[in-house]
């Protein structure tokens, strides 16, 4: 880069965007039936939380901050939505170094990383290794 672009934030090259997919088969068959069990706000939150997640599907478990990113203009209990998604098995929580994180249970089924993001280190700690969706810890 030249000195002109280094000093001007408007001219600097932007960070690559994270791309998140919503696939049609998430609404069909068994997955579609599972989706219909969720409230409408929880369905939207399920997809919107992908944009808050790193390349491994992990995001910090901060309901107030997440609510501001997903539903900034709506008066709703986002912690209750997160708990609905937890109970439904769409997410699981884990603790690392005293901090709580959430992780998408089906991240690897529905997300493909672009080469730029795949080559970068994870933003958040690695989630516990799971073999299948059935391995996702259920909340009690």
Protein backbone atom coordinates (compact mmCIF):
# COMPACT_ATOMS: atom_id res chain seq x y z
CA UNK A 1 0.00 0.00 0.00
CA UNK A 2 1.08 3.53 -0.55
CA UNK A 3 1.39 6.14 2.16
CA UNK A 4 -1.78 7.82 0.86
CA UNK A 5 -3.94 4.76 1.44
CA UNK A 6 -2.26 3.79 4.74
CA UNK A 7 -3.27 7.07 6.35
CA UNK A 8 -6.80 7.25 4.95
CA UNK A 9 -9.23 4.71 6.47
CA UNK A 10 -11.66 5.26 3.59
CA UNK A 11 -9.06 4.12 1.06
CA UNK A 12 -7.71 1.14 3.01
CA UNK A 13 -8.68 -2.27 1.74
CA UNK A 14 -11.60 -3.67 3.71
CA UNK A 15 -11.37 -6.86 5.74
CA UNK A 16 -12.83 -9.81 3.83
CA UNK A 17 -16.45 -10.48 4.68
CA UNK A 18 -17.60 -13.63 6.38
CA UNK A 19 -20.08 -15.46 4.24
CA UNK A 20 -22.82 -17.47 5.91
CA UNK A 21 -25.25 -19.70 4.08
CA UNK A 22 -28.88 -20.64 4.54
CA UNK A 23 -29.54 -23.76 2.52
CA UNK A 24 -32.94 -24.74 1.17
CA UNK A 25 -32.74 -28.22 2.73
CA UNK A 26 -32.80 -26.61 6.18
CA UNK A 27 -36.52 -26.05 5.59
CA UNK A 28 -37.31 -29.46 4.06
CA UNK A 29 -37.92 -32.89 5.53
CA UNK A 30 -36.94 -33.66 9.09
CA UNK A 31 -34.91 -30.46 9.47
CA UNK A 32 -37.91 -28.41 8.33
CA UNK A 33 -40.14 -30.19 10.83
CA UNK A 34 -37.63 -29.43 13.58
CA UNK A 35 -37.55 -25.78 12.43
CA UNK A 36 -41.35 -25.53 12.72
CA UNK A 37 -41.09 -26.37 16.44
CA UNK A 38 -39.28 -23.08 17.09
CA UNK A 39 -40.97 -19.73 17.62
CA UNK A 40 -40.61 -17.33 14.68
CA UNK A 41 -38.20 -15.02 16.56
CA UNK A 42 -36.04 -18.05 17.49
CA UNK A 43 -35.94 -19.17 13.83
CA UNK A 44 -34.62 -15.78 12.76
CA UNK A 45 -32.15 -15.71 15.64
CA UNK A 46 -30.88 -19.16 14.65
CA UNK A 47 -29.81 -17.86 11.25
CA UNK A 48 -28.75 -14.39 12.39
CA UNK A 49 -26.42 -15.83 15.03
CA UNK A 50 -24.36 -17.33 12.23
CA UNK A 51 -23.19 -13.83 11.40
CA UNK A 52 -21.95 -13.43 15.00
CA UNK A 53 -19.93 -16.64 14.85
CA UNK A 54 -16.33 -17.35 13.98
CA UNK A 55 -15.18 -19.92 11.47
CA UNK A 56 -15.97 -22.78 13.89
CA UNK A 57 -19.51 -21.62 14.67
CA UNK A 58 -18.50 -20.24 18.08
CA UNK A 59 -19.74 -16.97 19.56
CA UNK A 60 -19.44 -15.35 23.00
CA UNK A 61 -22.49 -16.10 25.16
CA UNK A 62 -23.47 -12.52 25.97
CA UNK A 63 -27.27 -12.33 25.49
CA UNK A 64 -27.51 -8.52 25.79
CA UNK A 65 -24.76 -7.91 23.23
CA UNK A 66 -26.13 -10.57 20.87
CA UNK A 67 -29.61 -9.07 21.13
CA UNK A 68 -28.22 -5.72 19.99
CA UNK A 69 -26.70 -7.40 16.93
CA UNK A 70 -29.68 -9.61 16.04
CA UNK A 71 -32.78 -7.71 17.22
CA UNK A 72 -31.62 -4.12 17.88
CA UNK A 73 -35.07 -2.52 17.44
CA UNK A 74 -37.28 -5.14 19.09
CA UNK A 75 -38.39 -5.42 22.68
CA UNK A 76 -37.96 -9.11 23.44
CA UNK A 77 -36.18 -11.39 25.85
CA UNK A 78 -33.19 -12.56 23.84
CA UNK A 79 -31.88 -14.73 26.66
CA UNK A 80 -35.17 -16.67 26.49
CA UNK A 81 -34.66 -17.13 22.72
CA UNK A 82 -31.13 -18.43 23.31
CA UNK A 83 -32.48 -20.86 25.90
CA UNK A 84 -35.17 -22.00 23.43
CA UNK A 85 -32.45 -22.74 20.87
CA UNK A 86 -30.37 -24.52 23.51
CA UNK A 87 -33.28 -26.71 24.59
CA UNK A 88 -34.09 -27.46 20.95
CA UNK A 89 -30.53 -28.68 20.38
CA UNK A 90 -29.49 -26.07 17.83
CA UNK A 91 -26.70 -24.77 20.06
CA UNK A 92 -24.65 -25.92 22.97
CA UNK A 93 -22.74 -23.90 25.55
CA UNK A 94 -19.24 -24.46 26.79
CA UNK A 95 -16.91 -22.64 29.13
CA UNK A 96 -13.33 -21.74 28.32
CA UNK A 97 -11.05 -19.83 30.66
CA UNK A 98 -14.02 -18.69 32.75
CA UNK A 99 -15.98 -17.32 29.76
CA UNK A 100 -19.16 -18.84 28.31
CA UNK A 101 -19.46 -19.48 24.59
CA UNK A 102 -22.16 -20.84 22.34
CA UNK A 103 -21.62 -23.07 19.34
CA UNK A 104 -23.89 -24.08 16.46
CA UNK A 105 -24.56 -27.80 16.66
CA UNK A 106 -24.84 -28.24 12.88
CA UNK A 107 -22.20 -25.74 11.79
CA UNK A 108 -20.19 -28.13 9.65
CA UNK A 109 -23.31 -29.45 7.91
CA UNK A 110 -24.46 -26.06 6.64
CA UNK A 111 -21.43 -23.77 6.42
CA UNK A 112 -18.56 -23.65 3.96
CA UNK A 113 -15.77 -21.16 4.59
CA UNK A 114 -14.27 -19.01 1.90
CA UNK A 115 -10.53 -19.47 1.45
CA UNK A 116 -9.67 -16.16 3.13
CA UNK A 117 -11.56 -17.02 6.32
CA UNK A 118 -10.44 -20.66 6.32
CA UNK A 119 -6.79 -19.60 6.40
CA UNK A 120 -7.17 -17.28 9.37
CA UNK A 121 -6.98 -18.35 13.02
CA UNK A 122 -10.19 -18.80 15.00
CA UNK A 123 -11.43 -15.74 16.83
CA UNK A 124 -12.81 -17.74 19.78
CA UNK A 125 -11.68 -20.96 21.48
CA UNK A 126 -12.19 -24.29 19.75
CA UNK A 127 -15.48 -25.97 20.70
CA UNK A 128 -15.49 -29.47 22.18
CA UNK A 129 -15.16 -32.09 19.47
CA UNK A 130 -18.51 -33.64 18.56
CA UNK A 131 -19.04 -36.50 16.15
CA UNK A 132 -22.73 -36.01 15.45
CA UNK A 133 -25.61 -33.71 16.30
CA UNK A 134 -26.79 -36.37 18.76
CA UNK A 135 -23.59 -35.74 20.78
CA UNK A 136 -24.68 -32.16 21.51
CA UNK A 137 -25.07 -31.77 25.26
CA UNK A 138 -28.71 -31.24 26.24
CA UNK A 139 -29.62 -28.61 28.76
CA UNK A 140 -31.27 -29.80 31.93
